[in-house]
Structure formats: structure tokens, C-alpha cells
């Protein structure tokens, strides 16, 4: 009887733990694959997402292709390998990156639920 309840308890425990989801929209993933192909980036490289100090609000985002290290976390989003270091992970949990095109240009836009405020240009943030 105890063995029957143990798997359920473990499963319920796993469901209650928050998942550190970081992802791309389908449009952003398509653009990342396009850039990776155009630049001839090796298949083993993933897209590193990180938070760096600076900008008028305290932090800014950085995206570039890189190799995974042993201290990184990886996520798969629409077939794109995302790489996040442990420090950046705490600021990026729940973030979804989109690729937008408009009158003011095109680029990647971060939808980060942890952000408390952003600067006027939208390229830096505070938590």
C-alpha cells in the first residue's frame, strides 16, 4: 500500500516545484535559426541568453551563440538550444523572447515577468 502512494507523492511533489522556463516564440526561433545558418555557426553552439550589469536601469540583455559549459542550464525552445548561466537564470526565469519588426526597426524583444521597470528606450531594466 505504501508503494502505491509513494509514486503519487513524488509526482505531486514534482508538479509543485516551479519550472524555470525560458523560451522563444516560434518567430524568434525561426530568426535565430536563420541567423545561425547565415553566419555558418556550428551545430553544437546554442543561443546564450544572459543578463549583464549596465544600462540606465541597471541590467541589460545579451544574446550570442556560444558553447555550453558545465555550470550552464540549457533549454530547448522550438528546436533552438538556449544556454543560460546560473546568475542570469534568476533574472530570466519565465522570460519569453520574441522577434518583432516595425517602423522603428526589427529585433528581439524580451517578455520578462521579473522586470519592475525599464528605461525609456526599453533596452535595460531593473528587478
C-alpha atoms as a PDB file:
ATOM      1  CA  UNK A   1       0.000   0.000   0.000  1.00  0.00           C
ATOM      2  CA  UNK A   2       2.844   2.402   0.817  1.00  0.00           C
ATOM      3  CA  UNK A   3       4.494   1.705  -2.537  1.00  0.00           C
ATOM      4  CA  UNK A   4       1.306   2.754  -4.329  1.00  0.00           C
ATOM      5  CA  UNK A   5       1.172   6.126  -2.553  1.00  0.00           C
ATOM      6  CA  UNK A   6       4.893   6.898  -2.801  1.00  0.00           C
ATOM      7  CA  UNK A   7       4.942   7.417  -6.603  1.00  0.00           C
ATOM      8  CA  UNK A   8       1.897   9.693  -6.373  1.00  0.00           C
ATOM      9  CA  UNK A   9       3.501  11.723  -3.603  1.00  0.00           C
ATOM     10  CA  UNK A  10       6.737  12.070  -5.601  1.00  0.00           C
ATOM     11  CA  UNK A  11       4.776  13.006  -8.715  1.00  0.00           C
ATOM     12  CA  UNK A  12       2.754  15.608  -6.804  1.00  0.00           C
ATOM     13  CA  UNK A  13       5.989  16.985  -5.328  1.00  0.00           C
ATOM     14  CA  UNK A  14       7.493  17.337  -8.814  1.00  0.00           C
ATOM     15  CA  UNK A  15       4.383  19.138 -10.068  1.00  0.00           C
ATOM     16  CA  UNK A  16       4.557  21.643  -7.206  1.00  0.00           C
ATOM     17  CA  UNK A  17       8.165  22.603  -7.917  1.00  0.00           C
ATOM     18  CA  UNK A  18       8.373  25.698 -10.147  1.00  0.00           C
ATOM     19  CA  UNK A  19       9.892  25.115 -13.569  1.00  0.00           C
ATOM     20  CA  UNK A  20      12.471  27.637 -14.755  1.00  0.00           C
ATOM     21  CA  UNK A  21      11.007  28.110 -18.203  1.00  0.00           C
ATOM     22  CA  UNK A  22      12.812  30.292 -20.673  1.00  0.00           C
ATOM     23  CA  UNK A  23      11.779  30.253 -24.284  1.00  0.00           C
ATOM     24  CA  UNK A  24      11.420  31.768 -27.706  1.00  0.00           C
ATOM     25  CA  UNK A  25       8.311  32.427 -29.731  1.00  0.00           C
ATOM     26  CA  UNK A  26       8.131  30.452 -32.987  1.00  0.00           C
ATOM     27  CA  UNK A  27       9.019  33.623 -34.927  1.00  0.00           C
ATOM     28  CA  UNK A  28      12.084  34.284 -32.735  1.00  0.00           C
ATOM     29  CA  UNK A  29      13.232  30.652 -33.056  1.00  0.00           C
ATOM     30  CA  UNK A  30      12.916  30.874 -36.833  1.00  0.00           C
ATOM     31  CA  UNK A  31      15.007  34.070 -36.868  1.00  0.00           C
ATOM     32  CA  UNK A  32      17.685  32.524 -34.619  1.00  0.00           C
ATOM     33  CA  UNK A  33      17.970  29.511 -36.954  1.00  0.00           C
ATOM     34  CA  UNK A  34      18.169  31.861 -39.940  1.00  0.00           C
ATOM     35  CA  UNK A  35      20.979  33.926 -38.352  1.00  0.00           C
ATOM     36  CA  UNK A  36      22.845  30.808 -37.230  1.00  0.00           C
ATOM     37  CA  UNK A  37      22.719  29.381 -40.746  1.00  0.00           C
ATOM     38  CA  UNK A  38      23.684  32.670 -42.441  1.00  0.00           C
ATOM     39  CA  UNK A  39      26.704  33.094 -40.150  1.00  0.00           C
ATOM     40  CA  UNK A  40      27.812  29.460 -40.523  1.00  0.00           C
ATOM     41  CA  UNK A  41      27.648  28.775 -36.778  1.00  0.00           C
ATOM     42  CA  UNK A  42      28.465  25.180 -35.794  1.00  0.00           C
ATOM     43  CA  UNK A  43      25.511  22.995 -34.882  1.00  0.00           C
ATOM     44  CA  UNK A  44      26.939  22.344 -31.383  1.00  0.00           C
ATOM     45  CA  UNK A  45      26.557  26.030 -30.484  1.00  0.00           C
ATOM     46  CA  UNK A  46      23.421  27.310 -28.799  1.00  0.00           C
ATOM     47  CA  UNK A  47      21.991  30.758 -28.183  1.00  0.00           C
ATOM     48  CA  UNK A  48      23.353  32.159 -24.935  1.00  0.00           C
ATOM     49  CA  UNK A  49      20.922  34.426 -23.095  1.00  0.00           C
ATOM     50  CA  UNK A  50      22.390  36.419 -20.263  1.00  0.00           C
ATOM     51  CA  UNK A  51      21.860  39.444 -18.091  1.00  0.00           C
ATOM     52  CA  UNK A  52      24.727  41.903 -17.684  1.00  0.00           C
ATOM     53  CA  UNK A  53      25.114  44.906 -15.420  1.00  0.00           C
ATOM     54  CA  UNK A  54      24.757  48.283 -17.060  1.00  0.00           C
ATOM     55  CA  UNK A  55      22.270  50.368 -18.952  1.00  0.00           C
ATOM     56  CA  UNK A  56      20.313  53.248 -17.496  1.00  0.00           C
ATOM     57  CA  UNK A  57      18.070  50.952 -15.416  1.00  0.00           C
ATOM     58  CA  UNK A  58      20.726  48.613 -14.004  1.00  0.00           C
ATOM     59  CA  UNK A  59      20.697  45.499 -16.207  1.00  0.00           C
ATOM     60  CA  UNK A  60      20.616  44.713 -19.910  1.00  0.00           C
ATOM     61  CA  UNK A  61      20.199  41.579 -22.014  1.00  0.00           C
ATOM     62  CA  UNK A  62      22.875  39.917 -24.112  1.00  0.00           C
ATOM     63  CA  UNK A  63      22.348  37.296 -26.841  1.00  0.00           C
ATOM     64  CA  UNK A  64      25.075  35.468 -28.749  1.00  0.00           C
ATOM     65  CA  UNK A  65      25.993  31.996 -29.984  1.00  0.00           C
ATOM     66  CA  UNK A  66      28.180  30.012 -27.597  1.00  0.00           C
ATOM     67  CA  UNK A  67      29.133  26.548 -26.339  1.00  0.00           C
ATOM     68  CA  UNK A  68      27.583  25.039 -23.212  1.00  0.00           C
ATOM     69  CA  UNK A  69      29.781  24.909 -20.108  1.00  0.00           C
ATOM     70  CA  UNK A  70      29.315  22.590 -17.145  1.00  0.00           C
ATOM     71  CA  UNK A  71      27.758  25.360 -15.000  1.00  0.00           C
ATOM     72  CA  UNK A  72      25.109  26.320 -17.583  1.00  0.00           C
ATOM     73  CA  UNK A  73      21.460  25.329 -17.809  1.00  0.00           C
ATOM     74  CA  UNK A  74      20.070  24.523 -21.236  1.00  0.00           C
ATOM     75  CA  UNK A  75      16.532  24.758 -22.546  1.00  0.00           C
ATOM     76  CA  UNK A  76      15.065  23.691 -25.877  1.00  0.00           C
ATOM     77  CA  UNK A  77      12.629  26.108 -27.453  1.00  0.00           C
ATOM     78  CA  UNK A  78      11.144  25.301 -30.861  1.00  0.00           C
ATOM     79  CA  UNK A  79      14.296  23.398 -31.803  1.00  0.00           C
ATOM     80  CA  UNK A  80      16.730  26.071 -30.614  1.00  0.00           C
ATOM     81  CA  UNK A  81      19.148  25.264 -27.784  1.00  0.00           C
ATOM     82  CA  UNK A  82      19.140  28.095 -25.224  1.00  0.00           C
ATOM     83  CA  UNK A  83      22.066  28.422 -22.809  1.00  0.00           C
ATOM     84  CA  UNK A  84      21.752  30.343 -19.541  1.00  0.00           C
ATOM     85  CA  UNK A  85      24.358  30.790 -16.799  1.00  0.00           C
ATOM     86  CA  UNK A  86      23.277  30.386 -13.169  1.00  0.00           C
ATOM     87  CA  UNK A  87      23.472  34.115 -12.325  1.00  0.00           C
ATOM     88  CA  UNK A  88      21.359  35.136 -15.309  1.00  0.00           C
ATOM     89  CA  UNK A  89      18.845  32.356 -14.684  1.00  0.00           C
ATOM     90  CA  UNK A  90      17.493  34.055 -11.571  1.00  0.00           C
ATOM     91  CA  UNK A  91      16.642  37.159 -13.629  1.00  0.00           C
ATOM     92  CA  UNK A  92      15.382  35.327 -16.741  1.00  0.00           C
ATOM     93  CA  UNK A  93      13.015  32.719 -15.244  1.00  0.00           C
ATOM     94  CA  UNK A  94       9.713  32.910 -17.093  1.00  0.00           C
ATOM     95  CA  UNK A  95      11.118  35.032 -19.933  1.00  0.00           C
ATOM     96  CA  UNK A  96       9.904  34.611 -23.495  1.00  0.00           C
ATOM     97  CA  UNK A  97      11.839  36.234 -26.336  1.00  0.00           C
ATOM     98  CA  UNK A  98      10.018  37.355 -29.475  1.00  0.00           C
ATOM     99  CA  UNK A  99      11.280  38.746 -32.763  1.00  0.00           C
ATOM    100  CA  UNK A 100       9.437  41.910 -33.798  1.00  0.00           C
ATOM    101  CA  UNK A 101       9.544  44.019 -36.930  1.00  0.00           C
ATOM    102  CA  UNK A 102       8.127  47.523 -37.035  1.00  0.00           C
ATOM    103  CA  UNK A 103       8.610  51.083 -38.199  1.00  0.00           C
ATOM    104  CA  UNK A 104      11.428  51.607 -35.710  1.00  0.00           C
ATOM    105  CA  UNK A 105      13.341  48.561 -36.888  1.00  0.00           C
ATOM    106  CA  UNK A 106      13.498  44.882 -36.086  1.00  0.00           C
ATOM    107  CA  UNK A 107      14.951  42.955 -33.190  1.00  0.00           C
ATOM    108  CA  UNK A 108      14.471  40.576 -30.308  1.00  0.00           C
ATOM    109  CA  UNK A 109      12.072  41.666 -27.572  1.00  0.00           C
ATOM    110  CA  UNK A 110      12.232  40.179 -24.075  1.00  0.00           C
ATOM    111  CA  UNK A 111       8.987  39.468 -22.226  1.00  0.00           C
ATOM    112  CA  UNK A 112      10.363  39.150 -18.703  1.00  0.00           C
ATOM    113  CA  UNK A 113       7.861  38.841 -15.812  1.00  0.00           C
ATOM    114  CA  UNK A 114      10.605  39.674 -13.260  1.00  0.00           C
ATOM    115  CA  UNK A 115      11.138  43.227 -14.526  1.00  0.00           C
ATOM    116  CA  UNK A 116       9.903  46.018 -12.257  1.00  0.00           C
ATOM    117  CA  UNK A 117      10.819  48.924 -14.561  1.00  0.00           C
ATOM    118  CA  UNK A 118      12.562  49.625 -17.854  1.00  0.00           C
ATOM    119  CA  UNK A 119      14.330  52.635 -19.292  1.00  0.00           C
ATOM    120  CA  UNK A 120      12.744  54.848 -21.938  1.00  0.00           C
ATOM    121  CA  UNK A 121      14.460  53.054 -24.816  1.00  0.00           C
ATOM    122  CA  UNK A 122      13.499  49.616 -23.475  1.00  0.00           C
ATOM    123  CA  UNK A 123      16.991  48.127 -23.687  1.00  0.00           C
ATOM    124  CA  UNK A 124      17.700  47.982 -19.951  1.00  0.00           C
ATOM    125  CA  UNK A 125      15.664  47.036 -16.895  1.00  0.00           C
ATOM    126  CA  UNK A 126      15.609  46.724 -13.113  1.00  0.00           C
ATOM    127  CA  UNK A 127      14.215  43.990 -10.857  1.00  0.00           C
END
